[in-house]
Amino acid sequence: FEGDDLTATGHAELDAHRELREFARIAAWEMPLLSKLARPFSPPTKQQPLRFRYTTHLHETHPSSPKVVVEFCPTDLPSLTTTQTSKLIKLVGSRYNPATQIVKMSCDRHTDSRANKAELLSMLDALLKEVKEGKDNFEDVPFDFRHADTKRTRRRGEWLVFPEEWKMTEERRK
C-alpha cells in the first residue's frame, strides 16, 4: 500500500456496487427473456394434494436453506375414509390447524433439501400406512385442538387474564 490504493472498506463498497450493477444488468437484459418461458397458472389437481415449500436465500448460506415444509389437507388425500381421516388428524396432533384444515410438517434434519423432502415423504408414508393398516382407530380418543386455541388467543392477547379486582373501574379512575 503506497497511498494510491483504496482501503479495505473502499474495496467492500466497490464490491457492493459491482454486485448492484450485476443485478441491474440481469434485470435489464436477462429477465425480459424469461417471459418467453412463462406458463399460465394451473391450480393443483386432486391427484396432487401435497404442497412443498422451500426457502432459498440468494448469494448466501443460511441455516434454514435446506428446510422443507409440506402442507396438505387430510380430506384431499385419496382413498381415505372419514374414519381414517380422523385417525390421521389425531396422529399428527398439533401439526393440524383446525381453522384452515391444513396439516403442516417440516424437516431440516439434513443439510440437503432433497434428503429433507425424502424424509418428509417417508414420514408421510409411515403415517398413511398406520392410518390404513393400524389396528386401533382411536375412535375412543377425542380430538384435541387446544394448541390451536392457544395460538389464537395469544395472537389476540386474550391469554392475559387478570383478576376482577385488578380491572379499572370508574371509581378508581377518579
N, C-alpha and C. Protein backbone atom coordinates (compact mmCIF):
# COMPACT_ATOMS: atom_id res chain seq x y z
N PHE A 1 0.85 -1.18 0.00
CA PHE A 1 0.00 0.00 0.00
C PHE A 1 0.89 1.23 0.00
N GLU A 2 0.77 1.98 -1.05
CA GLU A 2 1.60 3.17 -1.17
C GLU A 2 0.77 4.44 -1.20
N GLY A 3 -0.44 4.40 -0.69
CA GLY A 3 -1.28 5.59 -0.67
C GLY A 3 -2.07 5.80 -1.94
N ASP A 4 -1.86 4.98 -2.96
CA ASP A 4 -2.59 5.15 -4.21
C ASP A 4 -3.69 4.10 -4.38
N ASP A 5 -3.94 3.31 -3.36
CA ASP A 5 -4.96 2.27 -3.42
C ASP A 5 -6.07 2.59 -2.43
N LEU A 6 -7.19 1.92 -2.58
CA LEU A 6 -8.31 2.09 -1.65
C LEU A 6 -8.09 1.23 -0.41
N THR A 7 -8.77 1.62 0.65
CA THR A 7 -8.71 0.82 1.87
C THR A 7 -9.63 -0.39 1.72
N ALA A 8 -9.61 -1.25 2.73
CA ALA A 8 -10.47 -2.44 2.69
C ALA A 8 -11.94 -2.05 2.66
N THR A 9 -12.30 -1.00 3.37
CA THR A 9 -13.69 -0.52 3.35
C THR A 9 -14.06 -0.02 1.96
N GLY A 10 -13.15 0.66 1.31
CA GLY A 10 -13.40 1.14 -0.05
C GLY A 10 -13.60 -0.01 -1.03
N HIS A 11 -12.78 -1.05 -0.89
CA HIS A 11 -12.94 -2.22 -1.75
C HIS A 11 -14.27 -2.92 -1.49
N ALA A 12 -14.71 -2.95 -0.24
CA ALA A 12 -16.01 -3.55 0.08
C ALA A 12 -17.14 -2.75 -0.57
N GLU A 13 -17.01 -1.41 -0.56
CA GLU A 13 -18.01 -0.57 -1.23
C GLU A 13 -18.03 -0.84 -2.72
N LEU A 14 -16.85 -0.99 -3.32
CA LEU A 14 -16.78 -1.28 -4.75
C LEU A 14 -17.41 -2.64 -5.06
N ASP A 15 -17.16 -3.64 -4.23
CA ASP A 15 -17.77 -4.95 -4.44
C ASP A 15 -19.29 -4.88 -4.36
N ALA A 16 -19.80 -4.11 -3.40
CA ALA A 16 -21.25 -3.96 -3.28
C ALA A 16 -21.81 -3.25 -4.52
N HIS A 17 -21.09 -2.24 -5.01
CA HIS A 17 -21.52 -1.52 -6.21
C HIS A 17 -21.50 -2.45 -7.43
N ARG A 18 -20.46 -3.27 -7.54
CA ARG A 18 -20.39 -4.23 -8.65
C ARG A 18 -21.56 -5.22 -8.60
N GLU A 19 -21.89 -5.67 -7.40
CA GLU A 19 -23.00 -6.62 -7.27
C GLU A 19 -24.32 -5.97 -7.68
N LEU A 20 -24.53 -4.70 -7.26
CA LEU A 20 -25.75 -4.00 -7.66
C LEU A 20 -25.81 -3.82 -9.17
N ARG A 21 -24.68 -3.49 -9.79
CA ARG A 21 -24.66 -3.32 -11.25
C ARG A 21 -24.94 -4.65 -11.95
N GLU A 22 -24.43 -5.75 -11.37
CA GLU A 22 -24.70 -7.06 -11.96
C GLU A 22 -26.19 -7.39 -11.93
N PHE A 23 -26.85 -7.11 -10.80
CA PHE A 23 -28.28 -7.35 -10.71
C PHE A 23 -29.06 -6.42 -11.63
N ALA A 24 -28.62 -5.17 -11.75
CA ALA A 24 -29.29 -4.24 -12.67
C ALA A 24 -29.14 -4.72 -14.12
N ARG A 25 -27.99 -5.25 -14.46
CA ARG A 25 -27.76 -5.78 -15.80
C ARG A 25 -28.66 -7.00 -16.05
N ILE A 26 -28.78 -7.87 -15.06
CA ILE A 26 -29.65 -9.03 -15.21
C ILE A 26 -31.10 -8.59 -15.38
N ALA A 27 -31.53 -7.59 -14.57
CA ALA A 27 -32.91 -7.11 -14.66
C ALA A 27 -33.18 -6.47 -16.01
N ALA A 28 -32.20 -5.80 -16.57
CA ALA A 28 -32.41 -5.10 -17.84
C ALA A 28 -32.35 -6.03 -19.04
N TRP A 29 -31.46 -7.01 -19.03
CA TRP A 29 -31.22 -7.79 -20.24
C TRP A 29 -31.70 -9.23 -20.18
N GLU A 30 -31.64 -9.86 -19.03
CA GLU A 30 -31.97 -11.29 -18.97
C GLU A 30 -33.39 -11.57 -18.49
N MET A 31 -33.91 -10.76 -17.58
CA MET A 31 -35.26 -11.02 -17.07
C MET A 31 -36.34 -10.88 -18.13
N PRO A 32 -36.25 -9.93 -19.07
CA PRO A 32 -37.28 -9.90 -20.13
C PRO A 32 -37.32 -11.18 -20.96
N LEU A 33 -36.20 -11.89 -21.06
CA LEU A 33 -36.19 -13.13 -21.83
C LEU A 33 -36.93 -14.25 -21.10
N LEU A 34 -37.09 -14.11 -19.78
CA LEU A 34 -37.80 -15.14 -19.02
C LEU A 34 -39.30 -15.16 -19.33
N SER A 35 -39.84 -14.06 -19.84
CA SER A 35 -41.27 -14.03 -20.14
C SER A 35 -41.64 -15.02 -21.23
N LYS A 36 -40.67 -15.41 -22.06
CA LYS A 36 -40.95 -16.41 -23.09
C LYS A 36 -41.21 -17.79 -22.48
N LEU A 37 -40.66 -18.01 -21.29
CA LEU A 37 -40.82 -19.31 -20.63
C LEU A 37 -42.01 -19.35 -19.68
N ALA A 38 -42.76 -18.25 -19.58
CA ALA A 38 -43.87 -18.18 -18.63
C ALA A 38 -45.01 -19.09 -19.06
N ARG A 39 -45.64 -19.71 -18.06
CA ARG A 39 -46.80 -20.57 -18.29
C ARG A 39 -47.95 -20.04 -17.45
N PRO A 40 -49.16 -20.20 -17.90
CA PRO A 40 -50.29 -19.76 -17.07
C PRO A 40 -50.40 -20.65 -15.83
N PHE A 41 -50.90 -20.06 -14.75
CA PHE A 41 -51.03 -20.79 -13.50
C PHE A 41 -52.16 -21.81 -13.60
N SER A 42 -51.87 -23.01 -13.17
CA SER A 42 -52.91 -24.03 -13.07
C SER A 42 -52.89 -24.57 -11.65
N PRO A 43 -54.01 -24.47 -10.93
CA PRO A 43 -54.02 -24.94 -9.55
C PRO A 43 -53.79 -26.44 -9.48
N PRO A 44 -53.30 -26.92 -8.34
CA PRO A 44 -53.06 -28.36 -8.22
C PRO A 44 -54.36 -29.15 -8.33
N THR A 45 -54.24 -30.32 -8.89
CA THR A 45 -55.41 -31.17 -9.06
C THR A 45 -55.59 -32.04 -7.82
N LYS A 46 -56.65 -32.83 -7.82
CA LYS A 46 -56.90 -33.74 -6.70
C LYS A 46 -55.82 -34.82 -6.59
N GLN A 47 -55.13 -35.09 -7.70
CA GLN A 47 -54.06 -36.08 -7.68
C GLN A 47 -52.76 -35.50 -7.12
N GLN A 48 -52.73 -34.20 -6.82
CA GLN A 48 -51.54 -33.54 -6.27
C GLN A 48 -51.90 -32.85 -4.95
N PRO A 49 -52.19 -33.59 -3.89
CA PRO A 49 -52.62 -32.95 -2.65
C PRO A 49 -51.48 -32.35 -1.83
N LEU A 50 -50.23 -32.73 -2.10
CA LEU A 50 -49.11 -32.26 -1.29
C LEU A 50 -48.52 -30.99 -1.89
N ARG A 51 -48.25 -30.01 -1.02
CA ARG A 51 -47.61 -28.77 -1.45
C ARG A 51 -46.30 -28.63 -0.67
N PHE A 52 -45.20 -28.58 -1.38
CA PHE A 52 -43.89 -28.46 -0.75
C PHE A 52 -43.43 -27.01 -0.84
N ARG A 53 -42.80 -26.54 0.24
CA ARG A 53 -42.28 -25.18 0.26
C ARG A 53 -40.79 -25.23 0.61
N TYR A 54 -40.01 -24.54 -0.18
CA TYR A 54 -38.57 -24.47 0.03
C TYR A 54 -38.21 -23.02 0.32
N THR A 55 -37.16 -22.81 1.09
CA THR A 55 -36.66 -21.47 1.37
C THR A 55 -35.31 -21.32 0.71
N THR A 56 -35.17 -20.30 -0.12
CA THR A 56 -33.91 -20.07 -0.82
C THR A 56 -33.41 -18.68 -0.49
N HIS A 57 -32.17 -18.59 -0.04
CA HIS A 57 -31.52 -17.32 0.22
C HIS A 57 -30.45 -17.13 -0.84
N LEU A 58 -30.64 -16.13 -1.69
CA LEU A 58 -29.71 -15.92 -2.79
C LEU A 58 -28.38 -15.37 -2.29
N HIS A 59 -27.31 -15.87 -2.84
CA HIS A 59 -25.95 -15.38 -2.60
C HIS A 59 -25.47 -15.51 -1.17
N GLU A 60 -26.08 -16.38 -0.38
CA GLU A 60 -25.57 -16.58 0.97
C GLU A 60 -26.03 -17.94 1.47
N THR A 61 -25.24 -18.48 2.36
CA THR A 61 -25.66 -19.72 3.01
C THR A 61 -26.44 -19.35 4.27
N HIS A 62 -27.50 -20.06 4.49
CA HIS A 62 -28.36 -19.76 5.63
C HIS A 62 -28.78 -21.07 6.27
N PRO A 63 -28.92 -21.11 7.60
CA PRO A 63 -29.29 -22.36 8.25
C PRO A 63 -30.65 -22.91 7.83
N SER A 64 -31.55 -22.04 7.39
CA SER A 64 -32.88 -22.52 7.02
C SER A 64 -33.00 -22.87 5.54
N SER A 65 -31.91 -22.80 4.80
CA SER A 65 -31.97 -23.11 3.36
C SER A 65 -32.35 -24.56 3.07
N PRO A 66 -31.86 -25.55 3.79
CA PRO A 66 -32.26 -26.93 3.46
C PRO A 66 -33.64 -27.33 4.00
N LYS A 67 -34.29 -26.45 4.74
CA LYS A 67 -35.58 -26.80 5.35
C LYS A 67 -36.66 -26.96 4.27
N VAL A 68 -37.46 -28.00 4.43
CA VAL A 68 -38.57 -28.27 3.52
C VAL A 68 -39.84 -28.40 4.36
N VAL A 69 -40.91 -27.78 3.89
CA VAL A 69 -42.20 -27.83 4.57
C VAL A 69 -43.22 -28.43 3.61
N VAL A 70 -44.00 -29.38 4.10
CA VAL A 70 -45.08 -29.96 3.29
C VAL A 70 -46.41 -29.61 3.97
N GLU A 71 -47.37 -29.20 3.15
CA GLU A 71 -48.70 -28.88 3.63
C GLU A 71 -49.71 -29.68 2.82
N PHE A 72 -50.74 -30.16 3.49
CA PHE A 72 -51.80 -30.87 2.79
C PHE A 72 -53.07 -30.85 3.63
N CYS A 73 -54.16 -31.01 2.94
CA CYS A 73 -55.46 -31.12 3.60
C CYS A 73 -55.79 -32.60 3.71
N PRO A 74 -56.06 -33.11 4.90
CA PRO A 74 -56.31 -34.55 5.04
C PRO A 74 -57.51 -35.04 4.24
N THR A 75 -58.50 -34.18 4.02
CA THR A 75 -59.66 -34.62 3.25
C THR A 75 -59.36 -34.71 1.76
N ASP A 76 -58.27 -34.10 1.31
CA ASP A 76 -57.89 -34.17 -0.10
C ASP A 76 -57.10 -35.43 -0.44
N LEU A 77 -56.64 -36.16 0.57
CA LEU A 77 -55.88 -37.37 0.29
C LEU A 77 -56.81 -38.44 -0.27
N PRO A 78 -56.43 -39.03 -1.39
CA PRO A 78 -57.32 -40.03 -1.99
C PRO A 78 -57.33 -41.33 -1.18
N SER A 79 -58.37 -42.05 -1.33
CA SER A 79 -58.56 -43.39 -0.76
C SER A 79 -58.53 -43.42 0.77
N LEU A 80 -58.92 -42.32 1.42
CA LEU A 80 -59.05 -42.33 2.88
C LEU A 80 -60.53 -42.17 3.24
N THR A 81 -60.99 -43.03 4.11
CA THR A 81 -62.36 -42.91 4.59
C THR A 81 -62.41 -41.82 5.66
N THR A 82 -63.60 -41.48 6.11
CA THR A 82 -63.72 -40.45 7.14
C THR A 82 -63.10 -40.92 8.45
N THR A 83 -63.21 -42.20 8.76
CA THR A 83 -62.58 -42.74 9.98
C THR A 83 -61.07 -42.65 9.88
N GLN A 84 -60.53 -42.98 8.72
CA GLN A 84 -59.08 -42.89 8.53
C GLN A 84 -58.61 -41.44 8.54
N THR A 85 -59.40 -40.54 7.99
CA THR A 85 -59.04 -39.13 8.01
C THR A 85 -59.00 -38.60 9.44
N SER A 86 -59.99 -38.97 10.25
CA SER A 86 -59.98 -38.52 11.64
C SER A 86 -58.83 -39.15 12.41
N LYS A 87 -58.47 -40.39 12.08
CA LYS A 87 -57.32 -41.02 12.73
C LYS A 87 -56.03 -40.30 12.35
N LEU A 88 -55.91 -39.90 11.09
CA LEU A 88 -54.73 -39.15 10.65
C LEU A 88 -54.63 -37.82 11.39
N ILE A 89 -55.75 -37.13 11.55
CA ILE A 89 -55.76 -35.84 12.26
C ILE A 89 -55.33 -36.04 13.70
N LYS A 90 -55.78 -37.12 14.33
CA LYS A 90 -55.39 -37.39 15.71
C LYS A 90 -53.92 -37.76 15.82
N LEU A 91 -53.39 -38.45 14.81
CA LEU A 91 -51.98 -38.86 14.85
C LEU A 91 -51.03 -37.68 14.63
N VAL A 92 -51.39 -36.74 13.77
CA VAL A 92 -50.47 -35.62 13.51
C VAL A 92 -50.51 -34.60 14.64
N GLY A 93 -51.55 -34.60 15.45
CA GLY A 93 -51.59 -33.77 16.65
C GLY A 93 -51.55 -32.29 16.36
N SER A 94 -50.56 -31.60 16.91
CA SER A 94 -50.51 -30.14 16.81
C SER A 94 -50.07 -29.65 15.44
N ARG A 95 -49.73 -30.55 14.55
CA ARG A 95 -49.39 -30.12 13.19
C ARG A 95 -50.64 -29.81 12.36
N TYR A 96 -51.80 -30.16 12.89
CA TYR A 96 -53.06 -29.90 12.20
C TYR A 96 -53.67 -28.60 12.70
N ASN A 97 -54.07 -27.75 11.77
CA ASN A 97 -54.72 -26.50 12.11
C ASN A 97 -56.21 -26.65 11.79
N PRO A 98 -57.08 -26.70 12.80
CA PRO A 98 -58.50 -26.91 12.52
C PRO A 98 -59.17 -25.72 11.84
N ALA A 99 -58.62 -24.53 11.97
CA ALA A 99 -59.21 -23.36 11.31
C ALA A 99 -59.05 -23.44 9.80
N THR A 100 -57.87 -23.86 9.34
CA THR A 100 -57.61 -23.95 7.90
C THR A 100 -57.74 -25.37 7.37
N GLN A 101 -57.85 -26.35 8.26
CA GLN A 101 -57.90 -27.77 7.92
C GLN A 101 -56.67 -28.21 7.13
N ILE A 102 -55.51 -27.69 7.53
CA ILE A 102 -54.25 -27.98 6.85
C ILE A 102 -53.30 -28.63 7.85
N VAL A 103 -52.61 -29.68 7.39
CA VAL A 103 -51.52 -30.29 8.15
C VAL A 103 -50.22 -29.73 7.62
N LYS A 104 -49.37 -29.25 8.52
CA LYS A 104 -48.09 -28.69 8.12
C LYS A 104 -46.99 -29.45 8.85
N MET A 105 -46.08 -30.04 8.07
CA MET A 105 -44.94 -30.78 8.63
C MET A 105 -43.67 -30.23 8.00
N SER A 106 -42.61 -30.14 8.78
CA SER A 106 -41.35 -29.63 8.25
C SER A 106 -40.21 -30.54 8.66
N CYS A 107 -39.10 -30.44 7.91
CA CYS A 107 -37.91 -31.22 8.21
C CYS A 107 -36.69 -30.39 7.84
N ASP A 108 -35.77 -30.27 8.77
CA ASP A 108 -34.49 -29.60 8.49
C ASP A 108 -33.34 -30.37 9.12
N ARG A 109 -33.52 -31.68 9.22
CA ARG A 109 -32.54 -32.54 9.87
C ARG A 109 -31.27 -32.70 9.04
N HIS A 110 -31.41 -32.72 7.72
CA HIS A 110 -30.27 -32.95 6.83
C HIS A 110 -29.78 -31.62 6.24
N THR A 111 -28.59 -31.65 5.67
CA THR A 111 -28.04 -30.43 5.06
C THR A 111 -28.46 -30.26 3.61
N ASP A 112 -29.21 -31.21 3.09
CA ASP A 112 -29.67 -31.14 1.70
C ASP A 112 -31.19 -31.15 1.68
N SER A 113 -31.78 -30.25 0.89
CA SER A 113 -33.24 -30.16 0.86
C SER A 113 -33.87 -31.41 0.24
N ARG A 114 -33.16 -32.06 -0.67
CA ARG A 114 -33.71 -33.29 -1.26
C ARG A 114 -33.82 -34.40 -0.22
N ALA A 115 -32.82 -34.50 0.65
CA ALA A 115 -32.88 -35.50 1.72
C ALA A 115 -34.00 -35.18 2.70
N ASN A 116 -34.21 -33.88 2.99
CA ASN A 116 -35.30 -33.49 3.89
C ASN A 116 -36.66 -33.79 3.27
N LYS A 117 -36.79 -33.57 1.95
CA LYS A 117 -38.05 -33.89 1.28
C LYS A 117 -38.28 -35.40 1.30
N ALA A 118 -37.22 -36.18 1.07
CA ALA A 118 -37.36 -37.64 1.10
C ALA A 118 -37.78 -38.11 2.49
N GLU A 119 -37.22 -37.49 3.53
CA GLU A 119 -37.60 -37.89 4.89
C GLU A 119 -39.05 -37.51 5.18
N LEU A 120 -39.48 -36.34 4.71
CA LEU A 120 -40.88 -35.96 4.89
C LEU A 120 -41.81 -36.95 4.20
N LEU A 121 -41.44 -37.35 2.99
CA LEU A 121 -42.26 -38.31 2.26
C LEU A 121 -42.30 -39.67 2.97
N SER A 122 -41.16 -40.08 3.54
CA SER A 122 -41.16 -41.36 4.26
C SER A 122 -41.99 -41.26 5.55
N MET A 123 -41.94 -40.10 6.23
CA MET A 123 -42.78 -39.92 7.42
C MET A 123 -44.26 -39.95 7.04
N LEU A 124 -44.59 -39.30 5.93
CA LEU A 124 -45.98 -39.30 5.48
C LEU A 124 -46.43 -40.69 5.06
N ASP A 125 -45.54 -41.44 4.40
CA ASP A 125 -45.87 -42.82 4.04
C ASP A 125 -46.11 -43.68 5.27
N ALA A 126 -45.27 -43.49 6.30
CA ALA A 126 -45.45 -44.25 7.54
C ALA A 126 -46.77 -43.88 8.22
N LEU A 127 -47.11 -42.58 8.20
CA LEU A 127 -48.39 -42.16 8.78
C LEU A 127 -49.57 -42.78 8.03
N LEU A 128 -49.52 -42.73 6.71
CA LEU A 128 -50.62 -43.28 5.92
C LEU A 128 -50.71 -44.80 6.07
N LYS A 129 -49.57 -45.46 6.21
CA LYS A 129 -49.58 -46.91 6.42
C LYS A 129 -50.24 -47.23 7.76
N GLU A 130 -49.90 -46.46 8.80
CA GLU A 130 -50.50 -46.68 10.11
C GLU A 130 -52.00 -46.38 10.07
N VAL A 131 -52.37 -45.33 9.34
CA VAL A 131 -53.79 -44.98 9.25
C VAL A 131 -54.58 -46.08 8.56
N LYS A 132 -54.03 -46.65 7.50
CA LYS A 132 -54.77 -47.65 6.72
C LYS A 132 -54.69 -49.05 7.32
N GLU A 133 -53.53 -49.42 7.89
CA GLU A 133 -53.34 -50.79 8.34
C GLU A 133 -53.33 -50.95 9.85
N GLY A 134 -53.31 -49.86 10.58
CA GLY A 134 -53.26 -49.95 12.04
C GLY A 134 -54.51 -50.58 12.61
N LYS A 135 -54.35 -51.27 13.73
CA LYS A 135 -55.47 -51.99 14.32
C LYS A 135 -56.38 -51.05 15.11
N ASP A 136 -55.80 -50.05 15.78
CA ASP A 136 -56.59 -49.15 16.60
C ASP A 136 -57.00 -47.94 15.76
N ASN A 137 -58.29 -47.61 15.77
CA ASN A 137 -58.78 -46.46 15.01
C ASN A 137 -58.85 -45.19 15.84
N PHE A 138 -58.53 -45.27 17.13
CA PHE A 138 -58.57 -44.13 18.05
C PHE A 138 -59.95 -43.48 18.09
N GLU A 139 -60.99 -44.29 17.92
CA GLU A 139 -62.34 -43.73 17.97
C GLU A 139 -62.72 -43.30 19.38
N ASP A 140 -62.08 -43.91 20.39
CA ASP A 140 -62.38 -43.54 21.77
C ASP A 140 -61.60 -42.31 22.22
N VAL A 141 -60.64 -41.86 21.40
CA VAL A 141 -59.83 -40.68 21.73
C VAL A 141 -60.48 -39.45 21.10
N PRO A 142 -60.80 -38.43 21.90
CA PRO A 142 -61.41 -37.23 21.31
C PRO A 142 -60.36 -36.37 20.60
N PHE A 143 -60.83 -35.52 19.72
CA PHE A 143 -59.93 -34.56 19.07
C PHE A 143 -59.42 -33.58 20.11
N ASP A 144 -58.16 -33.21 20.00
CA ASP A 144 -57.55 -32.27 20.93
C ASP A 144 -57.00 -31.09 20.14
N PHE A 145 -57.73 -30.00 20.14
CA PHE A 145 -57.32 -28.81 19.39
C PHE A 145 -56.92 -27.67 20.32
N ARG A 146 -56.44 -28.00 21.51
CA ARG A 146 -56.03 -26.95 22.44
C ARG A 146 -54.88 -26.12 21.90
N HIS A 147 -54.01 -26.74 21.09
CA HIS A 147 -52.89 -25.99 20.53
C HIS A 147 -53.39 -24.86 19.63
N ALA A 148 -54.45 -25.08 18.89
CA ALA A 148 -54.99 -24.03 18.01
C ALA A 148 -55.66 -22.94 18.83
N ASP A 149 -56.35 -23.31 19.90
CA ASP A 149 -56.98 -22.31 20.75
C ASP A 149 -55.92 -21.44 21.41
N THR A 150 -54.83 -22.04 21.84
CA THR A 150 -53.76 -21.29 22.48
C THR A 150 -53.13 -20.30 21.51
N LYS A 151 -52.87 -20.74 20.28
CA LYS A 151 -52.29 -19.84 19.29
C LYS A 151 -53.23 -18.68 19.00
N ARG A 152 -54.51 -18.98 18.85
CA ARG A 152 -55.47 -17.94 18.50
C ARG A 152 -55.61 -16.92 19.63
N THR A 153 -55.69 -17.38 20.87
CA THR A 153 -55.86 -16.44 21.97
C THR A 153 -54.60 -15.65 22.24
N ARG A 154 -53.44 -16.24 22.06
CA ARG A 154 -52.20 -15.49 22.27
C ARG A 154 -52.05 -14.40 21.23
N ARG A 155 -52.51 -14.67 20.03
CA ARG A 155 -52.38 -13.68 18.97
C ARG A 155 -53.23 -12.46 19.29
N ARG A 156 -54.40 -12.66 19.91
CA ARG A 156 -55.29 -11.56 20.22
C ARG A 156 -55.04 -10.97 21.61
N GLY A 157 -54.16 -11.58 22.39
CA GLY A 157 -53.88 -11.07 23.72
C GLY A 157 -54.88 -11.51 24.76
N GLU A 158 -55.74 -12.47 24.43
CA GLU A 158 -56.74 -12.92 25.39
C GLU A 158 -56.16 -13.83 26.46
N TRP A 159 -54.93 -14.23 26.29
CA TRP A 159 -54.33 -15.12 27.28
C TRP A 159 -53.91 -14.34 28.52
N LEU A 160 -53.98 -13.00 28.47
CA LEU A 160 -53.70 -12.18 29.64
C LEU A 160 -54.99 -12.05 30.45
N VAL A 161 -55.19 -12.93 31.38
CA VAL A 161 -56.40 -12.93 32.20
C VAL A 161 -56.03 -12.42 33.58
N PHE A 162 -56.64 -11.29 33.96
CA PHE A 162 -56.36 -10.68 35.25
C PHE A 162 -57.56 -10.87 36.17
N PRO A 163 -57.34 -10.85 37.48
CA PRO A 163 -58.46 -10.94 38.42
C PRO A 163 -59.39 -9.74 38.28
N GLU A 164 -60.63 -9.93 38.66
CA GLU A 164 -61.64 -8.87 38.54
C GLU A 164 -61.27 -7.65 39.38
N GLU A 165 -60.67 -7.86 40.55
CA GLU A 165 -60.35 -6.72 41.43
C GLU A 165 -59.23 -5.86 40.86
N TRP A 166 -58.50 -6.35 39.88
CA TRP A 166 -57.44 -5.55 39.26
C TRP A 166 -57.98 -4.63 38.17
N LYS A 167 -59.14 -4.94 37.64
CA LYS A 167 -59.66 -4.18 36.50
C LYS A 167 -60.01 -2.76 36.91
N MET A 168 -59.86 -1.85 35.95
CA MET A 168 -60.10 -0.43 36.19
C MET A 168 -61.61 -0.16 36.23
N THR A 169 -62.04 0.50 37.28
CA THR A 169 -63.44 0.88 37.42
C THR A 169 -63.53 2.40 37.37
N GLU A 170 -64.76 2.91 37.31
CA GLU A 170 -64.95 4.36 37.27
C GLU A 170 -64.50 5.01 38.58
N GLU A 171 -64.67 4.32 39.70
CA GLU A 171 -64.25 4.87 40.99
C GLU A 171 -62.74 5.01 41.06
N ARG A 172 -62.02 4.07 40.49
CA ARG A 172 -60.56 4.11 40.52
C ARG A 172 -60.01 5.17 39.58
N ARG A 173 -60.73 5.45 38.51
CA ARG A 173 -60.26 6.44 37.55
C ARG A 173 -60.21 7.82 38.19
N LYS A 174 -61.05 8.09 39.17
CA LYS A 174 -61.13 9.42 39.80
C LYS A 174 -60.07 9.60 40.80
